[in-house]
C-alpha atoms as a PDB file:
ATOM      1  CA  MET A   1      79.634 -32.273-193.921  1.00  0.00           C
ATOM      2  CA  ILE A   2      83.126 -31.826-195.262  1.00  0.00           C
ATOM      3  CA  ALA A   3      84.407 -30.269-198.483  1.00  0.00           C
ATOM      4  CA  PRO A   4      87.775 -31.941-199.023  1.00  0.00           C
ATOM      5  CA  THR A   5      90.683 -30.546-200.980  1.00  0.00           C
ATOM      6  CA  PRO A   6      93.768 -32.441-202.178  1.00  0.00           C
ATOM      7  CA  SER A   7      95.633 -31.439-199.000  1.00  0.00           C
ATOM      8  CA  ASP A   8      92.988 -33.294-196.933  1.00  0.00           C
ATOM      9  CA  ILE A   9      93.990 -36.726-198.230  1.00  0.00           C
ATOM     10  CA  GLY A  10      95.263 -38.592-195.199  1.00  0.00           C
ATOM     11  CA  ARG A  11      93.108 -36.690-192.690  1.00  0.00           C
ATOM     12  CA  THR A  12      90.893 -38.495-190.234  1.00  0.00           C
ATOM     13  CA  VAL A  13      87.135 -38.182-190.582  1.00  0.00           C
ATOM     14  CA  ALA A  14      84.187 -39.304-188.492  1.00  0.00           C
ATOM     15  CA  TYR A  15      81.323 -41.062-190.307  1.00  0.00           C
ATOM     16  CA  ARG A  16      77.745 -40.965-189.050  1.00  0.00           C
ATOM     17  CA  ASP A  17      74.747 -42.287-190.967  1.00  0.00           C
ATOM     18  CA  HIS A  18      72.418 -40.800-188.327  1.00  0.00           C
ATOM     19  CA  PRO A  19      72.993 -37.990-185.795  1.00  0.00           C
ATOM     20  CA  ASN A  20      72.434 -40.292-182.807  1.00  0.00           C
ATOM     21  CA  THR A  21      74.937 -42.983-183.806  1.00  0.00           C
ATOM     22  CA  ASN A  22      78.512 -43.325-182.606  1.00  0.00           C
ATOM     23  CA  PRO A  23      81.028 -42.105-185.180  1.00  0.00           C
ATOM     24  CA  GLU A  24      83.209 -44.505-187.146  1.00  0.00           C
ATOM     25  CA  LEU A  25      86.672 -43.082-187.817  1.00  0.00           C
ATOM     26  CA  GLY A  26      88.448 -43.426-191.131  1.00  0.00           C
ATOM     27  CA  ILE A  27      91.141 -41.880-193.326  1.00  0.00           C
ATOM     28  CA  VAL A  28      90.403 -39.916-196.517  1.00  0.00           C
ATOM     29  CA  THR A  29      92.200 -41.644-199.394  1.00  0.00           C
ATOM     30  CA  SER A  30      90.683 -39.715-202.332  1.00  0.00           C
ATOM     31  CA  PHE A  31      87.538 -37.959-203.472  1.00  0.00           C
ATOM     32  CA  ASP A  32      85.600 -36.929-206.542  1.00  0.00           C
ATOM     33  CA  ARG A  33      82.617 -34.676-207.065  1.00  0.00           C
ATOM     34  CA  PHE A  34      80.207 -37.354-205.829  1.00  0.00           C
ATOM     35  CA  PHE A  35      81.973 -39.198-202.995  1.00  0.00           C
ATOM     36  CA  VAL A  36      84.783 -39.102-200.480  1.00  0.00           C
ATOM     37  CA  PHE A  37      86.700 -42.373-200.390  1.00  0.00           C
ATOM     38  CA  VAL A  38      87.492 -43.391-196.839  1.00  0.00           C
ATOM     39  CA  ARG A  39      89.421 -46.345-195.399  1.00  0.00           C
ATOM     40  CA  TYR A  40      87.727 -47.432-192.155  1.00  0.00           C
ATOM     41  CA  GLY A  41      89.497 -49.407-189.434  1.00  0.00           C
ATOM     42  CA  ALA A  42      91.590 -52.316-190.676  1.00  0.00           C
ATOM     43  CA  ASP A  43      89.722 -52.510-194.002  1.00  0.00           C
ATOM     44  CA  PRO A  44      92.331 -52.595-196.806  1.00  0.00           C
ATOM     45  CA  HIS A  45      89.957 -50.894-199.260  1.00  0.00           C
ATOM     46  CA  SER A  46      88.335 -47.479-199.241  1.00  0.00           C
ATOM     47  CA  ARG A  47      84.573 -47.042-199.283  1.00  0.00           C
ATOM     48  CA  ALA A  48      82.681 -44.375-201.208  1.00  0.00           C
ATOM     49  CA  THR A  49      80.994 -42.182-198.605  1.00  0.00           C
ATOM     50  CA  LYS A  50      78.737 -39.153-199.005  1.00  0.00           C
ATOM     51  CA  ALA A  51      80.412 -35.970-197.743  1.00  0.00           C
ATOM     52  CA  SER A  52      77.181 -35.125-195.930  1.00  0.00           C
ATOM     53  CA  HIS A  53      77.807 -38.100-193.617  1.00  0.00           C
ATOM     54  CA  LEU A  54      81.346 -37.020-192.720  1.00  0.00           C
ATOM     55  CA  GLU A  55      82.881 -34.559-190.290  1.00  0.00           C
ATOM     56  CA  TRP A  56      86.540 -33.868-189.612  1.00  0.00           C
ATOM     57  CA  ALA A  57      87.585 -35.948-186.620  1.00  0.00           C
ATOM     58  CA  GLY A  58      88.145 -33.775-183.606  1.00  0.00           C
ATOM     59  CA  SER A  59      85.532 -31.207-184.629  1.00  0.00           C
ATOM     60  CA  ALA A  60      83.111 -30.230-181.887  1.00  0.00           C
ATOM     61  CA  SER A  61      80.145 -31.985-183.500  1.00  0.00           C
ATOM     62  CA  SER A  62      82.026 -35.242-184.143  1.00  0.00           C
ATOM     63  CA  ASN A  63      82.942 -35.417-180.449  1.00  0.00           C
ATOM     64  CA  ARG A  64      79.633 -34.384-178.930  1.00  0.00           C
ATOM     65  CA  SER A  65      78.430 -36.484-176.069  1.00  0.00           C
ATOM     66  CA  ARG A  66      75.081 -38.170-175.969  1.00  0.00           C
ATOM     67  CA  GLY A  67      73.020 -38.476-172.834  1.00  0.00           C
END
């Protein structure tokens, strides 16, 4: 889970809807008290995403390997 601040706009996040899924990377474009808005891949629009489903890309848990 992340807790973004205005300085985090533009940072890369990893989205997971379940702990055993591969992460989908995206860029934080904005946020409000309910959602973080993330642009995934080549999508021109941001998607509202729950902060509980996001981790900062490059964090240990977003890069964990699965066996």
